[in-house]
Amino acid sequence: MEEIKDEVELFEEKVEIILKTIGPTRPSRLLVPSSIKVRDLRRLIARNNESPVDNLSLILHGDALCDMKNGDDIYIKLNDGDCLMVAVKPKPPVKDGYDNDDDEEDLKFQLPRSSSPWKRRLYSILHDKLKLPDIILMVIFTLSLKAWVFIIMWFIFAPVAHRWDLGPLYILATGFCLILFNLGKRQAGDVSAYSIFNEDFQELPGTLNADRLDRDIRAGQF
């Protein structure tokens, strides 16, 4: 709280805004800097209304205010007499059993704060202006530069293969390449699940085959 006070005192120009809390509460007035971070404004309002910061939702001129965008703090410009709607979100009820909300949160893609400025700019264009789904953004930003080079080269050579009537062969070769390049590498001492690739055709413990069935039958375990 002391850090907020120090930051507020740095601003000379202050304005008085009107806070309208949804519910039976009367409107109140609050003196704040004319230019302020949404994060700090939320904290000031939470302290003024004695409400939890995380449950506050602020609406200015019909738009919901967000604390950050693409990893950067958002500043807003306030004028004297501006009306700010304040809503206190209720705590979600405790649900029993499996909830799909966790899966939906996993599908929401957020750019890491350590990302470079050009990645943030590209993310802002794709997410805010083009409105691409999160699953597409996840694919775009998680692929490495080498993967994008291979994808671009594939689309460049695809018309050439089609022109030479090698389209089916080109697709089959692509499938085999994907399989080969995605094969895992065994560490020293690891055993393959396929005994034919192991030394002395060693099998994994618990492998069920004809020899084991024969031994179990002879031993009277069936």
C-alpha atoms as a PDB file:
ATOM      1  CA  MET A   1       0.000   0.000   0.000  1.00  0.00           C
ATOM      2  CA  GLU A   2       2.868   2.375   0.739  1.00  0.00           C
ATOM      3  CA  GLU A   3       4.262   1.830  -2.762  1.00  0.00           C
ATOM      4  CA  ILE A   4       0.915   2.882  -4.232  1.00  0.00           C
ATOM      5  CA  LYS A   5       0.903   6.039  -2.112  1.00  0.00           C
ATOM      6  CA  ASP A   6       4.403   6.966  -3.277  1.00  0.00           C
ATOM      7  CA  GLU A   7       3.480   6.395  -6.916  1.00  0.00           C
ATOM      8  CA  VAL A   8       0.283   8.433  -6.609  1.00  0.00           C
ATOM      9  CA  GLU A   9       2.159  11.356  -5.065  1.00  0.00           C
ATOM     10  CA  LEU A  10       4.452  11.519  -8.102  1.00  0.00           C
ATOM     11  CA  PHE A  11       1.554  12.699 -10.279  1.00  0.00           C
ATOM     12  CA  GLU A  12       0.720  16.404  -9.954  1.00  0.00           C
ATOM     13  CA  GLU A  13      -2.508  16.389 -11.952  1.00  0.00           C
ATOM     14  CA  LYS A  14      -5.336  14.666 -10.122  1.00  0.00           C
ATOM     15  CA  VAL A  15      -8.964  14.197 -11.038  1.00  0.00           C
ATOM     16  CA  GLU A  16     -12.063  13.199  -9.118  1.00  0.00           C
ATOM     17  CA  ILE A  17     -13.909  10.181 -10.496  1.00  0.00           C
ATOM     18  CA  ILE A  18     -17.291   8.741  -9.551  1.00  0.00           C
ATOM     19  CA  LEU A  19     -17.437   5.114  -8.453  1.00  0.00           C
ATOM     20  CA  LYS A  20     -20.739   3.308  -8.967  1.00  0.00           C
ATOM     21  CA  THR A  21     -20.671  -0.094  -7.320  1.00  0.00           C
ATOM     22  CA  ILE A  22     -23.225  -2.566  -8.622  1.00  0.00           C
ATOM     23  CA  GLY A  23     -25.638  -3.274  -5.783  1.00  0.00           C
ATOM     24  CA  PRO A  24     -27.304  -1.279  -3.031  1.00  0.00           C
ATOM     25  CA  THR A  25     -24.175   0.784  -2.364  1.00  0.00           C
ATOM     26  CA  ARG A  26     -24.339   4.548  -2.961  1.00  0.00           C
ATOM     27  CA  PRO A  27     -21.987   6.158  -5.520  1.00  0.00           C
ATOM     28  CA  SER A  28     -18.739   7.490  -4.077  1.00  0.00           C
ATOM     29  CA  ARG A  29     -15.995   9.806  -5.252  1.00  0.00           C
ATOM     30  CA  LEU A  30     -12.284   9.122  -5.379  1.00  0.00           C
ATOM     31  CA  LEU A  31      -9.331  11.399  -6.093  1.00  0.00           C
ATOM     32  CA  VAL A  32      -6.843   9.692  -8.406  1.00  0.00           C
ATOM     33  CA  PRO A  33      -4.065  10.707 -10.836  1.00  0.00           C
ATOM     34  CA  SER A  34      -5.292  11.538 -14.335  1.00  0.00           C
ATOM     35  CA  SER A  35      -2.862   9.003 -15.844  1.00  0.00           C
ATOM     36  CA  ILE A  36      -2.547   5.765 -13.901  1.00  0.00           C
ATOM     37  CA  LYS A  37      -1.998   2.047 -14.349  1.00  0.00           C
ATOM     38  CA  VAL A  38      -5.146  -0.055 -14.276  1.00  0.00           C
ATOM     39  CA  ARG A  39      -3.448  -2.294 -11.737  1.00  0.00           C
ATOM     40  CA  ASP A  40      -2.856   0.624  -9.346  1.00  0.00           C
ATOM     41  CA  LEU A  41      -6.350   2.020  -9.923  1.00  0.00           C
ATOM     42  CA  ARG A  42      -7.827  -1.343  -9.014  1.00  0.00           C
ATOM     43  CA  ARG A  43      -5.832  -1.412  -5.796  1.00  0.00           C
ATOM     44  CA  LEU A  44      -6.909   2.116  -4.845  1.00  0.00           C
ATOM     45  CA  ILE A  45     -10.575   1.284  -5.446  1.00  0.00           C
ATOM     46  CA  ALA A  46     -10.259  -1.989  -3.517  1.00  0.00           C
ATOM     47  CA  ARG A  47      -8.800  -0.124  -0.563  1.00  0.00           C
ATOM     48  CA  ASN A  48     -11.480   2.585  -0.796  1.00  0.00           C
ATOM     49  CA  ASN A  49     -14.353   0.064  -0.967  1.00  0.00           C
ATOM     50  CA  GLU A  50     -12.699  -2.470   1.345  1.00  0.00           C
ATOM     51  CA  SER A  51     -13.109  -5.149  -1.313  1.00  0.00           C
ATOM     52  CA  PRO A  52     -10.727  -7.924  -2.464  1.00  0.00           C
ATOM     53  CA  VAL A  53      -8.544  -6.790  -5.356  1.00  0.00           C
ATOM     54  CA  ASP A  54      -8.796 -10.046  -7.326  1.00  0.00           C
ATOM     55  CA  ASN A  55     -12.608  -9.968  -7.369  1.00  0.00           C
ATOM     56  CA  LEU A  56     -12.975  -6.407  -8.697  1.00  0.00           C
ATOM     57  CA  SER A  57     -14.122  -5.795 -12.254  1.00  0.00           C
ATOM     58  CA  LEU A  58     -13.815  -2.218 -13.570  1.00  0.00           C
ATOM     59  CA  ILE A  59     -15.805  -0.822 -16.495  1.00  0.00           C
ATOM     60  CA  LEU A  60     -15.068   2.559 -18.071  1.00  0.00           C
ATOM     61  CA  HIS A  61     -17.157   3.925 -20.965  1.00  0.00           C
ATOM     62  CA  GLY A  62     -18.605   0.448 -21.543  1.00  0.00           C
ATOM     63  CA  ASP A  63     -15.219  -1.316 -21.774  1.00  0.00           C
ATOM     64  CA  ALA A  64     -13.862  -3.699 -19.162  1.00  0.00           C
ATOM     65  CA  LEU A  65     -10.400  -2.667 -17.972  1.00  0.00           C
ATOM     66  CA  CYS A  66      -7.540  -5.179 -18.003  1.00  0.00           C
ATOM     67  CA  ASP A  67      -4.368  -4.876 -15.946  1.00  0.00           C
ATOM     68  CA  MET A  68      -1.974  -6.108 -18.635  1.00  0.00           C
ATOM     69  CA  LYS A  69      -1.798  -6.659 -22.377  1.00  0.00           C
ATOM     70  CA  ASN A  70       0.892  -8.810 -23.998  1.00  0.00           C
ATOM     71  CA  GLY A  71       2.885  -8.732 -20.765  1.00  0.00           C
ATOM     72  CA  ASP A  72       2.870  -4.909 -20.436  1.00  0.00           C
ATOM     73  CA  ASP A  73       0.971  -2.796 -17.891  1.00  0.00           C
ATOM     74  CA  ILE A  74      -1.956  -0.802 -19.306  1.00  0.00           C
ATOM     75  CA  TYR A  75      -2.250   2.923 -18.576  1.00  0.00           C
ATOM     76  CA  ILE A  76      -5.537   4.837 -18.830  1.00  0.00           C
ATOM     77  CA  LYS A  77      -6.288   8.549 -19.046  1.00  0.00           C
ATOM     78  CA  LEU A  78      -9.017   9.745 -16.696  1.00  0.00           C
ATOM     79  CA  ASN A  79     -10.908  13.043 -16.804  1.00  0.00           C
ATOM     80  CA  ASP A  80     -12.558  14.913 -13.982  1.00  0.00           C
ATOM     81  CA  GLY A  81     -16.054  13.526 -13.411  1.00  0.00           C
ATOM     82  CA  ASP A  82     -15.547  10.214 -15.222  1.00  0.00           C
ATOM     83  CA  CYS A  83     -17.910   7.493 -14.026  1.00  0.00           C
ATOM     84  CA  LEU A  84     -16.381   4.108 -13.294  1.00  0.00           C
ATOM     85  CA  MET A  85     -18.560   1.043 -12.810  1.00  0.00           C
ATOM     86  CA  VAL A  86     -17.272  -1.327 -10.118  1.00  0.00           C
ATOM     87  CA  ALA A  87     -18.484  -4.916  -9.874  1.00  0.00           C
ATOM     88  CA  VAL A  88     -17.443  -7.351  -7.173  1.00  0.00           C
ATOM     89  CA  LYS A  89     -17.348 -10.831  -8.677  1.00  0.00           C
ATOM     90  CA  PRO A  90     -18.689 -13.511  -6.325  1.00  0.00           C
ATOM     91  CA  LYS A  91     -16.517 -16.457  -5.471  1.00  0.00           C
ATOM     92  CA  PRO A  92     -17.287 -19.484  -7.660  1.00  0.00           C
ATOM     93  CA  PRO A  93     -19.122 -22.291  -5.874  1.00  0.00           C
ATOM     94  CA  VAL A  94     -17.266 -25.449  -4.998  1.00  0.00           C
ATOM     95  CA  LYS A  95     -18.072 -28.165  -7.529  1.00  0.00           C
ATOM     96  CA  ASP A  96     -17.855 -31.880  -6.975  1.00  0.00           C
ATOM     97  CA  GLY A  97     -16.491 -34.200  -9.597  1.00  0.00           C
ATOM     98  CA  TYR A  98     -14.675 -33.440 -12.797  1.00  0.00           C
ATOM     99  CA  ASP A  99     -14.874 -29.900 -14.163  1.00  0.00           C
ATOM    100  CA  ASN A 100     -14.124 -28.974 -17.748  1.00  0.00           C
ATOM    101  CA  ASP A 101     -13.031 -25.442 -16.790  1.00  0.00           C
ATOM    102  CA  ASP A 102      -9.475 -26.671 -16.219  1.00  0.00           C
ATOM    103  CA  ASP A 103      -9.336 -27.996 -19.773  1.00  0.00           C
ATOM    104  CA  GLU A 104     -10.609 -24.688 -21.141  1.00  0.00           C
ATOM    105  CA  GLU A 105      -7.931 -22.806 -19.190  1.00  0.00           C
ATOM    106  CA  ASP A 106      -5.271 -25.086 -20.682  1.00  0.00           C
ATOM    107  CA  LEU A 107      -6.432 -24.148 -24.189  1.00  0.00           C
ATOM    108  CA  LYS A 108      -6.056 -20.408 -23.529  1.00  0.00           C
ATOM    109  CA  PHE A 109      -2.693 -19.314 -24.894  1.00  0.00           C
ATOM    110  CA  GLN A 110      -0.755 -16.495 -23.260  1.00  0.00           C
ATOM    111  CA  LEU A 111       2.546 -15.175 -24.511  1.00  0.00           C
ATOM    112  CA  PRO A 112       5.355 -15.481 -21.920  1.00  0.00           C
ATOM    113  CA  ARG A 113       6.658 -12.232 -20.445  1.00  0.00           C
ATOM    114  CA  SER A 114      10.180 -13.067 -21.608  1.00  0.00           C
ATOM    115  CA  SER A 115       9.103 -12.989 -25.269  1.00  0.00           C
ATOM    116  CA  SER A 116      10.831 -10.569 -27.627  1.00  0.00           C
ATOM    117  CA  PRO A 117       9.102  -7.300 -28.683  1.00  0.00           C
ATOM    118  CA  TRP A 118       8.497  -8.491 -32.247  1.00  0.00           C
ATOM    119  CA  LYS A 119       6.712 -11.608 -30.931  1.00  0.00           C
ATOM    120  CA  ARG A 120       4.490  -9.435 -28.741  1.00  0.00           C
ATOM    121  CA  ARG A 121       3.688  -7.192 -31.706  1.00  0.00           C
ATOM    122  CA  LEU A 122       2.861 -10.190 -33.887  1.00  0.00           C
ATOM    123  CA  TYR A 123       0.738 -11.718 -31.118  1.00  0.00           C
ATOM    124  CA  SER A 124      -1.167  -8.441 -30.735  1.00  0.00           C
ATOM    125  CA  ILE A 125      -1.942  -8.358 -34.469  1.00  0.00           C
ATOM    126  CA  LEU A 126      -3.038 -11.991 -34.661  1.00  0.00           C
ATOM    127  CA  HIS A 127      -5.008 -12.050 -31.403  1.00  0.00           C
ATOM    128  CA  ASP A 128      -6.538  -8.555 -31.221  1.00  0.00           C
ATOM    129  CA  LYS A 129      -6.987  -7.580 -34.872  1.00  0.00           C
ATOM    130  CA  LEU A 130      -7.344 -10.888 -36.742  1.00  0.00           C
ATOM    131  CA  LYS A 131      -9.094 -12.614 -33.783  1.00  0.00           C
ATOM    132  CA  LEU A 132      -7.364 -15.962 -34.337  1.00  0.00           C
ATOM    133  CA  PRO A 133      -8.375 -18.785 -31.948  1.00  0.00           C
ATOM    134  CA  ASP A 134      -6.048 -19.647 -29.083  1.00  0.00           C
ATOM    135  CA  ILE A 135      -5.354 -23.126 -30.445  1.00  0.00           C
ATOM    136  CA  ILE A 136      -3.969 -21.621 -33.694  1.00  0.00           C
ATOM    137  CA  LEU A 137      -1.876 -19.087 -31.760  1.00  0.00           C
ATOM    138  CA  MET A 138      -0.511 -21.935 -29.648  1.00  0.00           C
ATOM    139  CA  VAL A 139       0.625 -23.781 -32.772  1.00  0.00           C
ATOM    140  CA  ILE A 140       2.153 -20.660 -34.328  1.00  0.00           C
ATOM    141  CA  PHE A 141       4.206 -19.600 -31.310  1.00  0.00           C
ATOM    142  CA  THR A 142       5.256 -23.033 -30.034  1.00  0.00           C
ATOM    143  CA  LEU A 143       6.825 -24.244 -33.285  1.00  0.00           C
ATOM    144  CA  SER A 144      10.544 -23.617 -33.575  1.00  0.00           C
ATOM    145  CA  LEU A 145      12.156 -21.611 -36.355  1.00  0.00           C
ATOM    146  CA  LYS A 146      13.570 -24.810 -37.886  1.00  0.00           C
ATOM    147  CA  ALA A 147      10.068 -26.327 -38.015  1.00  0.00           C
ATOM    148  CA  TRP A 148       8.720 -23.243 -39.803  1.00  0.00           C
ATOM    149  CA  VAL A 149      11.575 -23.467 -42.339  1.00  0.00           C
ATOM    150  CA  PHE A 150      10.641 -27.096 -43.114  1.00  0.00           C
ATOM    151  CA  ILE A 151       6.961 -26.190 -43.428  1.00  0.00           C
ATOM    152  CA  ILE A 152       7.689 -23.337 -45.843  1.00  0.00           C
ATOM    153  CA  MET A 153      10.048 -25.527 -47.887  1.00  0.00           C
ATOM    154  CA  TRP A 154       7.373 -28.256 -48.035  1.00  0.00           C
ATOM    155  CA  PHE A 155       4.833 -25.857 -49.530  1.00  0.00           C
ATOM    156  CA  ILE A 156       7.444 -24.561 -51.991  1.00  0.00           C
ATOM    157  CA  PHE A 157       8.319 -28.043 -53.322  1.00  0.00           C
ATOM    158  CA  ALA A 158       4.733 -29.375 -53.259  1.00  0.00           C
ATOM    159  CA  PRO A 159       3.742 -27.696 -56.575  1.00  0.00           C
ATOM    160  CA  VAL A 160       6.971 -28.996 -58.162  1.00  0.00           C
ATOM    161  CA  ALA A 161       6.139 -32.567 -57.103  1.00  0.00           C
ATOM    162  CA  HIS A 162       2.595 -32.152 -58.449  1.00  0.00           C
ATOM    163  CA  ARG A 163       3.903 -30.874 -61.777  1.00  0.00           C
ATOM    164  CA  TRP A 164       6.113 -33.974 -62.139  1.00  0.00           C
ATOM    165  CA  ASP A 165       3.229 -36.292 -61.145  1.00  0.00           C
ATOM    166  CA  LEU A 166       4.981 -37.167 -57.881  1.00  0.00           C
ATOM    167  CA  GLY A 167       2.262 -35.923 -55.543  1.00  0.00           C
ATOM    168  CA  PRO A 168       1.397 -39.274 -53.848  1.00  0.00           C
ATOM    169  CA  LEU A 169       5.071 -40.181 -53.531  1.00  0.00           C
ATOM    170  CA  TYR A 170       5.805 -36.731 -52.080  1.00  0.00           C
ATOM    171  CA  ILE A 171       3.098 -37.159 -49.431  1.00  0.00           C
ATOM    172  CA  LEU A 172       4.282 -40.690 -48.557  1.00  0.00           C
ATOM    173  CA  ALA A 173       7.856 -39.472 -48.231  1.00  0.00           C
ATOM    174  CA  THR A 174       6.639 -36.658 -45.969  1.00  0.00           C
ATOM    175  CA  GLY A 175       4.878 -39.164 -43.717  1.00  0.00           C
ATOM    176  CA  PHE A 176       7.974 -41.382 -43.459  1.00  0.00           C
ATOM    177  CA  CYS A 177      10.144 -38.337 -42.678  1.00  0.00           C
ATOM    178  CA  LEU A 178       7.789 -37.256 -39.894  1.00  0.00           C
ATOM    179  CA  ILE A 179       7.946 -40.731 -38.381  1.00  0.00           C
ATOM    180  CA  LEU A 180      11.746 -40.967 -38.626  1.00  0.00           C
ATOM    181  CA  PHE A 181      12.423 -37.492 -37.235  1.00  0.00           C
ATOM    182  CA  ASN A 182      10.056 -38.044 -34.302  1.00  0.00           C
ATOM    183  CA  LEU A 183      11.546 -41.351 -33.181  1.00  0.00           C
ATOM    184  CA  GLY A 184      12.888 -41.112 -29.647  1.00  0.00           C
ATOM    185  CA  LYS A 185      16.479 -41.775 -28.737  1.00  0.00           C
ATOM    186  CA  ARG A 186      17.215 -44.496 -26.214  1.00  0.00           C
ATOM    187  CA  GLN A 187      19.682 -43.808 -23.461  1.00  0.00           C
ATOM    188  CA  ALA A 188      22.464 -46.220 -22.606  1.00  0.00           C
ATOM    189  CA  GLY A 189      21.007 -49.295 -20.906  1.00  0.00           C
ATOM    190  CA  ASP A 190      17.435 -48.714 -22.073  1.00  0.00           C
ATOM    191  CA  VAL A 191      15.558 -51.661 -23.588  1.00  0.00           C
ATOM    192  CA  SER A 192      13.242 -51.364 -26.575  1.00  0.00           C
ATOM    193  CA  ALA A 193       9.667 -52.622 -26.369  1.00  0.00           C
ATOM    194  CA  TYR A 194      10.418 -54.691 -29.481  1.00  0.00           C
ATOM    195  CA  SER A 195      12.769 -57.528 -28.602  1.00  0.00           C
ATOM    196  CA  ILE A 196      14.109 -57.727 -32.160  1.00  0.00           C
ATOM    197  CA  PHE A 197      15.951 -54.427 -31.599  1.00  0.00           C
ATOM    198  CA  ASN A 198      17.552 -55.570 -28.308  1.00  0.00           C
ATOM    199  CA  GLU A 199      20.754 -57.479 -27.767  1.00  0.00           C
ATOM    200  CA  ASP A 200      20.129 -61.254 -27.592  1.00  0.00           C
ATOM    201  CA  PHE A 201      16.448 -60.451 -28.336  1.00  0.00           C
ATOM    202  CA  GLN A 202      15.891 -59.445 -24.717  1.00  0.00           C
ATOM    203  CA  GLU A 203      12.225 -58.892 -23.848  1.00  0.00           C
ATOM    204  CA  LEU A 204      10.667 -56.461 -21.428  1.00  0.00           C
ATOM    205  CA  PRO A 205       9.547 -57.977 -18.093  1.00  0.00           C
ATOM    206  CA  GLY A 206       5.913 -59.072 -18.263  1.00  0.00           C
ATOM    207  CA  THR A 207       5.824 -59.450 -22.045  1.00  0.00           C
ATOM    208  CA  LEU A 208       3.058 -61.858 -23.077  1.00  0.00           C
ATOM    209  CA  ASN A 209       3.966 -64.208 -25.908  1.00  0.00           C
ATOM    210  CA  ALA A 210       3.439 -67.809 -26.988  1.00  0.00           C
ATOM    211  CA  ASP A 211       6.410 -69.129 -24.982  1.00  0.00           C
ATOM    212  CA  ARG A 212       5.121 -67.569 -21.767  1.00  0.00           C
ATOM    213  CA  LEU A 213       1.618 -68.918 -22.349  1.00  0.00           C
ATOM    214  CA  ASP A 214       3.068 -72.393 -22.918  1.00  0.00           C
ATOM    215  CA  ARG A 215       5.103 -72.192 -19.698  1.00  0.00           C
ATOM    216  CA  ASP A 216       2.093 -71.003 -17.686  1.00  0.00           C
ATOM    217  CA  ILE A 217      -0.084 -73.798 -19.043  1.00  0.00           C
ATOM    218  CA  ARG A 218       2.551 -76.443 -18.310  1.00  0.00           C
ATOM    219  CA  ALA A 219       3.022 -75.032 -14.811  1.00  0.00           C
ATOM    220  CA  GLY A 220      -0.725 -75.300 -14.156  1.00  0.00           C
ATOM    221  CA  GLN A 221      -1.329 -71.588 -13.744  1.00  0.00           C
ATOM    222  CA  PHE A 222      -4.351 -71.717 -16.088  1.00  0.00           C
END
